[in-house]
Amino acid sequence: MSQALALDPAAPADDLPDTDGPLRRCIVSGRTGARESFVRFVVGPDAEIVPDVAGKLPGRGLWVSADEASVRQAVSKNAFAKAARASVKAAVDLPDR
């Protein structure tokens, strides 16, 4: 069963993901889940993408699955700019950080 079907309001409650709060969606894969499964990024004042591990930085969060491959794909496919709907810069070494 795909995640999209699991989030169907008509689906039985035991098929829904276990979360205590709102769901987050990965800007690369579209996968949804609890915030613990993702890394939050925000657009800094100089239009640079900044990881927000503590979740305290101001701004709209751009969520990516918490694995290096997903972050690398977000940088290579310019997913941060598409999700932010703005011209932003993601450092080439961002997945290594």
N, C-alpha and C. Protein backbone atom coordinates (compact mmCIF):
# COMPACT_ATOMS: atom_id res chain seq x y z
N MET A 1 0.85 -1.17 0.00
CA MET A 1 0.00 0.00 0.00
C MET A 1 0.89 1.23 0.00
N SER A 2 0.57 2.20 -0.83
CA SER A 2 1.39 3.41 -0.89
C SER A 2 1.03 4.36 0.25
N GLN A 3 1.94 5.30 0.52
CA GLN A 3 1.70 6.28 1.58
C GLN A 3 0.48 7.13 1.26
N ALA A 4 0.26 7.43 -0.03
CA ALA A 4 -0.88 8.26 -0.40
C ALA A 4 -2.19 7.58 0.01
N LEU A 5 -2.26 6.27 -0.17
CA LEU A 5 -3.46 5.55 0.23
C LEU A 5 -3.60 5.49 1.74
N ALA A 6 -2.47 5.39 2.43
CA ALA A 6 -2.51 5.31 3.89
C ALA A 6 -3.01 6.61 4.51
N LEU A 7 -2.88 7.72 3.81
CA LEU A 7 -3.32 9.00 4.34
C LEU A 7 -4.75 9.33 3.94
N ASP A 8 -5.40 8.42 3.25
CA ASP A 8 -6.79 8.59 2.85
C ASP A 8 -7.67 8.67 4.09
N PRO A 9 -8.51 9.71 4.23
CA PRO A 9 -9.35 9.83 5.42
C PRO A 9 -10.28 8.64 5.61
N ALA A 10 -10.59 7.93 4.53
CA ALA A 10 -11.48 6.78 4.63
C ALA A 10 -10.75 5.52 5.06
N ALA A 11 -9.41 5.58 5.13
CA ALA A 11 -8.63 4.40 5.52
C ALA A 11 -8.84 4.10 6.99
N PRO A 12 -8.78 2.84 7.37
CA PRO A 12 -8.90 2.50 8.79
C PRO A 12 -7.79 3.15 9.60
N ALA A 13 -8.09 3.47 10.85
CA ALA A 13 -7.13 4.18 11.71
C ALA A 13 -5.85 3.39 11.91
N ASP A 14 -5.90 2.05 11.90
CA ASP A 14 -4.68 1.27 12.12
C ASP A 14 -3.76 1.27 10.92
N ASP A 15 -4.20 1.78 9.75
CA ASP A 15 -3.35 1.90 8.58
C ASP A 15 -2.61 3.22 8.52
N LEU A 16 -3.00 4.19 9.35
CA LEU A 16 -2.36 5.50 9.33
C LEU A 16 -1.02 5.46 10.05
N PRO A 17 -0.06 6.30 9.64
CA PRO A 17 1.24 6.33 10.32
C PRO A 17 1.09 6.74 11.78
N ASP A 18 1.94 6.19 12.64
CA ASP A 18 1.92 6.54 14.06
C ASP A 18 2.63 7.87 14.27
N THR A 19 1.87 8.91 14.59
CA THR A 19 2.45 10.22 14.87
C THR A 19 1.65 10.88 15.98
N ASP A 20 2.34 11.70 16.73
CA ASP A 20 1.67 12.47 17.76
C ASP A 20 1.42 13.90 17.31
N GLY A 21 1.99 14.28 16.18
CA GLY A 21 1.86 15.65 15.69
C GLY A 21 1.59 15.65 14.21
N PRO A 22 1.77 16.80 13.59
CA PRO A 22 1.51 16.90 12.15
C PRO A 22 2.52 16.11 11.35
N LEU A 23 2.12 15.68 10.17
CA LEU A 23 2.99 14.94 9.28
C LEU A 23 3.85 15.91 8.47
N ARG A 24 5.02 15.48 8.11
CA ARG A 24 5.92 16.24 7.24
C ARG A 24 6.04 15.50 5.92
N ARG A 25 6.34 16.24 4.83
CA ARG A 25 6.48 15.63 3.51
C ARG A 25 7.85 15.96 2.95
N CYS A 26 8.55 14.93 2.50
CA CYS A 26 9.87 15.10 1.90
C CYS A 26 9.73 15.79 0.55
N ILE A 27 10.53 16.84 0.31
CA ILE A 27 10.45 17.57 -0.95
C ILE A 27 11.05 16.79 -2.11
N VAL A 28 11.77 15.70 -1.81
CA VAL A 28 12.38 14.88 -2.86
C VAL A 28 11.49 13.70 -3.22
N SER A 29 11.16 12.89 -2.24
CA SER A 29 10.43 11.64 -2.50
C SER A 29 8.92 11.78 -2.37
N GLY A 30 8.45 12.78 -1.64
CA GLY A 30 7.03 12.93 -1.38
C GLY A 30 6.54 12.05 -0.23
N ARG A 31 7.45 11.32 0.40
CA ARG A 31 7.10 10.44 1.52
C ARG A 31 6.68 11.30 2.70
N THR A 32 5.67 10.87 3.44
CA THR A 32 5.21 11.59 4.61
C THR A 32 5.51 10.79 5.87
N GLY A 33 5.64 11.51 6.97
CA GLY A 33 5.90 10.84 8.24
C GLY A 33 6.11 11.85 9.35
N ALA A 34 6.52 11.32 10.50
CA ALA A 34 6.79 12.16 11.67
C ALA A 34 8.05 12.97 11.45
N ARG A 35 8.15 14.09 12.12
CA ARG A 35 9.29 15.00 11.95
C ARG A 35 10.62 14.34 12.27
N GLU A 36 10.63 13.31 13.11
CA GLU A 36 11.87 12.62 13.47
C GLU A 36 12.51 11.91 12.29
N SER A 37 11.75 11.66 11.23
CA SER A 37 12.25 10.96 10.04
C SER A 37 12.86 11.91 9.02
N PHE A 38 12.83 13.20 9.30
CA PHE A 38 13.25 14.20 8.33
C PHE A 38 14.23 15.20 8.93
N VAL A 39 14.91 15.93 8.05
CA VAL A 39 15.76 17.05 8.44
C VAL A 39 15.09 18.30 7.90
N ARG A 40 14.99 19.32 8.73
CA ARG A 40 14.39 20.58 8.33
C ARG A 40 15.46 21.51 7.80
N PHE A 41 15.17 22.14 6.69
CA PHE A 41 16.04 23.16 6.10
C PHE A 41 15.23 24.44 5.98
N VAL A 42 15.89 25.58 6.08
CA VAL A 42 15.24 26.87 5.88
C VAL A 42 16.10 27.70 4.95
N VAL A 43 15.48 28.74 4.39
CA VAL A 43 16.21 29.68 3.54
C VAL A 43 16.75 30.78 4.44
N GLY A 44 18.07 30.94 4.44
CA GLY A 44 18.71 31.97 5.24
C GLY A 44 18.55 33.34 4.61
N PRO A 45 19.01 34.39 5.31
CA PRO A 45 18.84 35.75 4.81
C PRO A 45 19.58 36.03 3.50
N ASP A 46 20.61 35.26 3.21
CA ASP A 46 21.36 35.46 1.96
C ASP A 46 20.92 34.47 0.88
N ALA A 47 19.71 33.93 1.01
CA ALA A 47 19.12 32.97 0.06
C ALA A 47 19.91 31.67 0.00
N GLU A 48 20.61 31.35 1.08
CA GLU A 48 21.37 30.10 1.19
C GLU A 48 20.55 29.11 2.01
N ILE A 49 20.53 27.84 1.59
CA ILE A 49 19.82 26.80 2.33
C ILE A 49 20.64 26.43 3.57
N VAL A 50 19.97 26.42 4.73
CA VAL A 50 20.62 26.17 6.01
C VAL A 50 19.92 24.99 6.69
N PRO A 51 20.66 23.97 7.13
CA PRO A 51 20.01 22.90 7.89
C PRO A 51 19.60 23.41 9.27
N ASP A 52 18.41 23.03 9.70
CA ASP A 52 17.88 23.47 10.99
C ASP A 52 17.59 22.24 11.84
N VAL A 53 18.65 21.64 12.35
CA VAL A 53 18.52 20.39 13.11
C VAL A 53 17.74 20.61 14.41
N ALA A 54 17.93 21.75 15.05
CA ALA A 54 17.24 22.02 16.31
C ALA A 54 15.78 22.44 16.09
N GLY A 55 15.44 22.83 14.87
CA GLY A 55 14.07 23.24 14.58
C GLY A 55 13.69 24.58 15.16
N LYS A 56 14.66 25.46 15.37
CA LYS A 56 14.41 26.75 16.02
C LYS A 56 14.52 27.95 15.07
N LEU A 57 15.06 27.75 13.88
CA LEU A 57 15.26 28.88 12.97
C LEU A 57 13.93 29.37 12.42
N PRO A 58 13.81 30.68 12.18
CA PRO A 58 12.56 31.20 11.63
C PRO A 58 12.45 30.87 10.14
N GLY A 59 11.25 30.86 9.66
CA GLY A 59 11.02 30.63 8.24
C GLY A 59 10.29 29.33 8.00
N ARG A 60 9.85 29.18 6.78
CA ARG A 60 9.12 27.99 6.37
C ARG A 60 10.10 26.83 6.23
N GLY A 61 9.77 25.72 6.81
CA GLY A 61 10.64 24.55 6.75
C GLY A 61 10.51 23.80 5.44
N LEU A 62 11.64 23.37 4.92
CA LEU A 62 11.70 22.50 3.75
C LEU A 62 12.23 21.17 4.27
N TRP A 63 11.43 20.13 4.22
CA TRP A 63 11.75 18.87 4.87
C TRP A 63 12.29 17.86 3.87
N VAL A 64 13.38 17.18 4.25
CA VAL A 64 14.01 16.16 3.41
C VAL A 64 14.24 14.94 4.29
N SER A 65 14.04 13.76 3.72
CA SER A 65 14.29 12.52 4.45
C SER A 65 15.69 12.54 5.03
N ALA A 66 15.82 11.99 6.22
CA ALA A 66 17.08 12.08 6.98
C ALA A 66 18.09 11.04 6.53
N ASP A 67 18.46 11.10 5.27
CA ASP A 67 19.56 10.27 4.78
C ASP A 67 20.34 11.07 3.73
N GLU A 68 21.61 10.75 3.62
CA GLU A 68 22.50 11.52 2.75
C GLU A 68 22.06 11.48 1.29
N ALA A 69 21.56 10.35 0.84
CA ALA A 69 21.15 10.22 -0.56
C ALA A 69 20.01 11.19 -0.90
N SER A 70 19.07 11.34 0.01
CA SER A 70 17.95 12.26 -0.24
C SER A 70 18.41 13.71 -0.28
N VAL A 71 19.30 14.08 0.63
CA VAL A 71 19.82 15.45 0.64
C VAL A 71 20.63 15.71 -0.63
N ARG A 72 21.44 14.73 -1.02
CA ARG A 72 22.24 14.86 -2.25
C ARG A 72 21.32 15.04 -3.47
N GLN A 73 20.24 14.27 -3.51
CA GLN A 73 19.29 14.38 -4.62
C GLN A 73 18.58 15.73 -4.60
N ALA A 74 18.25 16.24 -3.42
CA ALA A 74 17.60 17.55 -3.32
C ALA A 74 18.50 18.65 -3.88
N VAL A 75 19.80 18.55 -3.58
CA VAL A 75 20.75 19.55 -4.10
C VAL A 75 20.89 19.41 -5.62
N SER A 76 21.07 18.18 -6.11
CA SER A 76 21.31 18.00 -7.55
C SER A 76 20.10 18.31 -8.41
N LYS A 77 18.90 18.08 -7.90
CA LYS A 77 17.69 18.34 -8.67
C LYS A 77 17.09 19.72 -8.41
N ASN A 78 17.78 20.54 -7.63
CA ASN A 78 17.32 21.89 -7.32
C ASN A 78 15.95 21.88 -6.63
N ALA A 79 15.71 20.85 -5.82
CA ALA A 79 14.41 20.70 -5.14
C ALA A 79 14.17 21.79 -4.10
N PHE A 80 15.22 22.34 -3.52
CA PHE A 80 15.05 23.40 -2.52
C PHE A 80 14.44 24.64 -3.17
N ALA A 81 14.94 25.02 -4.35
CA ALA A 81 14.42 26.20 -5.04
C ALA A 81 12.97 25.97 -5.47
N LYS A 82 12.66 24.77 -5.93
CA LYS A 82 11.29 24.47 -6.35
C LYS A 82 10.34 24.52 -5.16
N ALA A 83 10.74 23.94 -4.04
CA ALA A 83 9.88 23.91 -2.85
C ALA A 83 9.72 25.30 -2.24
N ALA A 84 10.79 26.10 -2.27
CA ALA A 84 10.73 27.44 -1.70
C ALA A 84 10.08 28.44 -2.65
N ARG A 85 9.95 28.04 -3.90
CA ARG A 85 9.42 28.92 -4.95
C ARG A 85 10.19 30.23 -5.01
N ALA A 86 11.52 30.07 -4.90
CA ALA A 86 12.40 31.22 -4.93
C ALA A 86 13.77 30.77 -5.43
N SER A 87 14.57 31.72 -5.82
CA SER A 87 15.93 31.42 -6.23
C SER A 87 16.80 31.31 -4.98
N VAL A 88 17.20 30.09 -4.65
CA VAL A 88 18.01 29.85 -3.47
C VAL A 88 19.26 29.06 -3.86
N LYS A 89 20.28 29.15 -3.00
CA LYS A 89 21.53 28.43 -3.24
C LYS A 89 21.68 27.34 -2.21
N ALA A 90 21.95 26.14 -2.69
CA ALA A 90 22.27 25.03 -1.80
C ALA A 90 23.73 24.67 -2.04
N ALA A 91 24.53 24.71 -0.98
CA ALA A 91 25.96 24.41 -1.10
C ALA A 91 26.15 22.99 -1.61
N VAL A 92 27.15 22.80 -2.46
CA VAL A 92 27.43 21.49 -3.02
C VAL A 92 27.79 20.49 -1.90
N ASP A 93 28.41 20.97 -0.82
CA ASP A 93 28.82 20.08 0.27
C ASP A 93 27.72 19.90 1.33
N LEU A 94 26.52 20.36 1.06
CA LEU A 94 25.43 20.25 2.03
C LEU A 94 25.16 18.82 2.49
N PRO A 95 25.15 17.82 1.60
CA PRO A 95 24.92 16.44 2.07
C PRO A 95 26.01 15.94 3.03
N ASP A 96 27.22 16.46 2.91
CA ASP A 96 28.32 16.03 3.75
C ASP A 96 28.25 16.65 5.15
N ARG A 97 27.52 17.75 5.28
CA ARG A 97 27.38 18.39 6.58
C ARG A 97 26.43 17.60 7.39
